[in-house]
Amino acid sequence: MNTTAVKSAASTARKEREPVKLLRRIGSTTYEVTVHFSNKSKETMEDKLLRIMEREVRNDA
């Protein structure tokens, strides 16, 4: 997924305070990701995604 598109969608979601849906097709599966933000959160979307991916890598090891 293009990180510029993700950051742009995140910026739009924060301004509009509405969830943003991103679609990504991998093979024959299409994934729909809905992004929304807490007003109290101090973690960026990028930080959260990296944390989730790192946890997945540790769990698969």
C-alpha atoms as a PDB file:
ATOM      1  CA  MET A   1       0.000   0.000   0.000  1.00  0.00           C
ATOM      2  CA  ASN A   2       1.233   3.446  -0.845  1.00  0.00           C
ATOM      3  CA  THR A   3       2.273   5.181   2.396  1.00  0.00           C
ATOM      4  CA  THR A   4       1.499   8.584   0.905  1.00  0.00           C
ATOM      5  CA  ALA A   5      -2.102   7.504   0.298  1.00  0.00           C
ATOM      6  CA  VAL A   6      -2.368   6.170   3.854  1.00  0.00           C
ATOM      7  CA  LYS A   7      -0.994   9.398   5.356  1.00  0.00           C
ATOM      8  CA  SER A   8      -3.314  11.460   3.150  1.00  0.00           C
ATOM      9  CA  ALA A   9      -6.315   9.366   4.220  1.00  0.00           C
ATOM     10  CA  ALA A  10      -5.250   9.712   7.855  1.00  0.00           C
ATOM     11  CA  SER A  11      -4.961  13.465   7.514  1.00  0.00           C
ATOM     12  CA  THR A  12      -8.404  13.649   5.913  1.00  0.00           C
ATOM     13  CA  ALA A  13      -9.919  11.455   8.625  1.00  0.00           C
ATOM     14  CA  ARG A  14      -8.492  13.624  11.387  1.00  0.00           C
ATOM     15  CA  LYS A  15      -9.830  16.810   9.805  1.00  0.00           C
ATOM     16  CA  GLU A  16     -13.282  15.385   9.045  1.00  0.00           C
ATOM     17  CA  ARG A  17     -13.524  13.206  12.162  1.00  0.00           C
ATOM     18  CA  GLU A  18     -15.087  10.487  10.020  1.00  0.00           C
ATOM     19  CA  PRO A  19     -13.704   7.004   9.376  1.00  0.00           C
ATOM     20  CA  VAL A  20     -11.887   6.455   6.084  1.00  0.00           C
ATOM     21  CA  LYS A  21     -12.104   3.162   4.189  1.00  0.00           C
ATOM     22  CA  LEU A  22      -9.070   1.865   2.305  1.00  0.00           C
ATOM     23  CA  LEU A  23      -9.266  -1.086  -0.079  1.00  0.00           C
ATOM     24  CA  ARG A  24      -6.302  -3.309  -0.894  1.00  0.00           C
ATOM     25  CA  ARG A  25      -6.364  -6.396  -3.086  1.00  0.00           C
ATOM     26  CA  ILE A  26      -3.788  -9.087  -2.347  1.00  0.00           C
ATOM     27  CA  GLY A  27      -4.096 -12.063  -4.654  1.00  0.00           C
ATOM     28  CA  SER A  28      -7.764 -13.000  -4.869  1.00  0.00           C
ATOM     29  CA  THR A  29      -8.643 -11.381  -1.530  1.00  0.00           C
ATOM     30  CA  THR A  30      -9.739  -7.771  -1.162  1.00  0.00           C
ATOM     31  CA  TYR A  31      -9.156  -6.216   2.257  1.00  0.00           C
ATOM     32  CA  GLU A  32     -11.152  -3.238   3.468  1.00  0.00           C
ATOM     33  CA  VAL A  33      -9.589  -1.261   6.296  1.00  0.00           C
ATOM     34  CA  THR A  34     -11.587   1.370   8.132  1.00  0.00           C
ATOM     35  CA  VAL A  35      -9.457   4.011   9.806  1.00  0.00           C
ATOM     36  CA  HIS A  36     -10.724   6.196  12.613  1.00  0.00           C
ATOM     37  CA  PHE A  37      -8.946   8.183  15.293  1.00  0.00           C
ATOM     38  CA  SER A  38      -9.474   8.884  18.943  1.00  0.00           C
ATOM     39  CA  ASN A  39      -9.231  12.511  19.964  1.00  0.00           C
ATOM     40  CA  LYS A  40      -7.246  11.372  23.024  1.00  0.00           C
ATOM     41  CA  SER A  41      -4.765   9.122  21.209  1.00  0.00           C
ATOM     42  CA  LYS A  42      -1.096  10.069  21.225  1.00  0.00           C
ATOM     43  CA  GLU A  43      -0.096   7.251  18.844  1.00  0.00           C
ATOM     44  CA  THR A  44      -0.040   7.916  15.088  1.00  0.00           C
ATOM     45  CA  MET A  45      -1.532   5.488  12.589  1.00  0.00           C
ATOM     46  CA  GLU A  46       1.970   4.675  11.384  1.00  0.00           C
ATOM     47  CA  ASP A  47       3.108   3.905  14.963  1.00  0.00           C
ATOM     48  CA  LYS A  48       0.098   1.676  15.522  1.00  0.00           C
ATOM     49  CA  LEU A  49       0.561  -0.257  12.259  1.00  0.00           C
ATOM     50  CA  LEU A  50       4.258  -0.794  12.980  1.00  0.00           C
ATOM     51  CA  ARG A  51       3.422  -2.023  16.489  1.00  0.00           C
ATOM     52  CA  ILE A  52       0.831  -4.465  15.115  1.00  0.00           C
ATOM     53  CA  MET A  53       3.218  -5.766  12.435  1.00  0.00           C
ATOM     54  CA  GLU A  54       6.055  -6.203  14.948  1.00  0.00           C
ATOM     55  CA  ARG A  55       3.733  -8.178  17.239  1.00  0.00           C
ATOM     56  CA  GLU A  56       2.682 -10.408  14.325  1.00  0.00           C
ATOM     57  CA  VAL A  57       6.306 -11.085  13.410  1.00  0.00           C
ATOM     58  CA  ARG A  58       7.123 -12.017  17.026  1.00  0.00           C
ATOM     59  CA  ASN A  59       4.076 -14.322  17.226  1.00  0.00           C
ATOM     60  CA  ASP A  60       4.999 -16.091  13.965  1.00  0.00           C
ATOM     61  CA  ALA A  61       8.617 -16.693  15.050  1.00  0.00           C
END
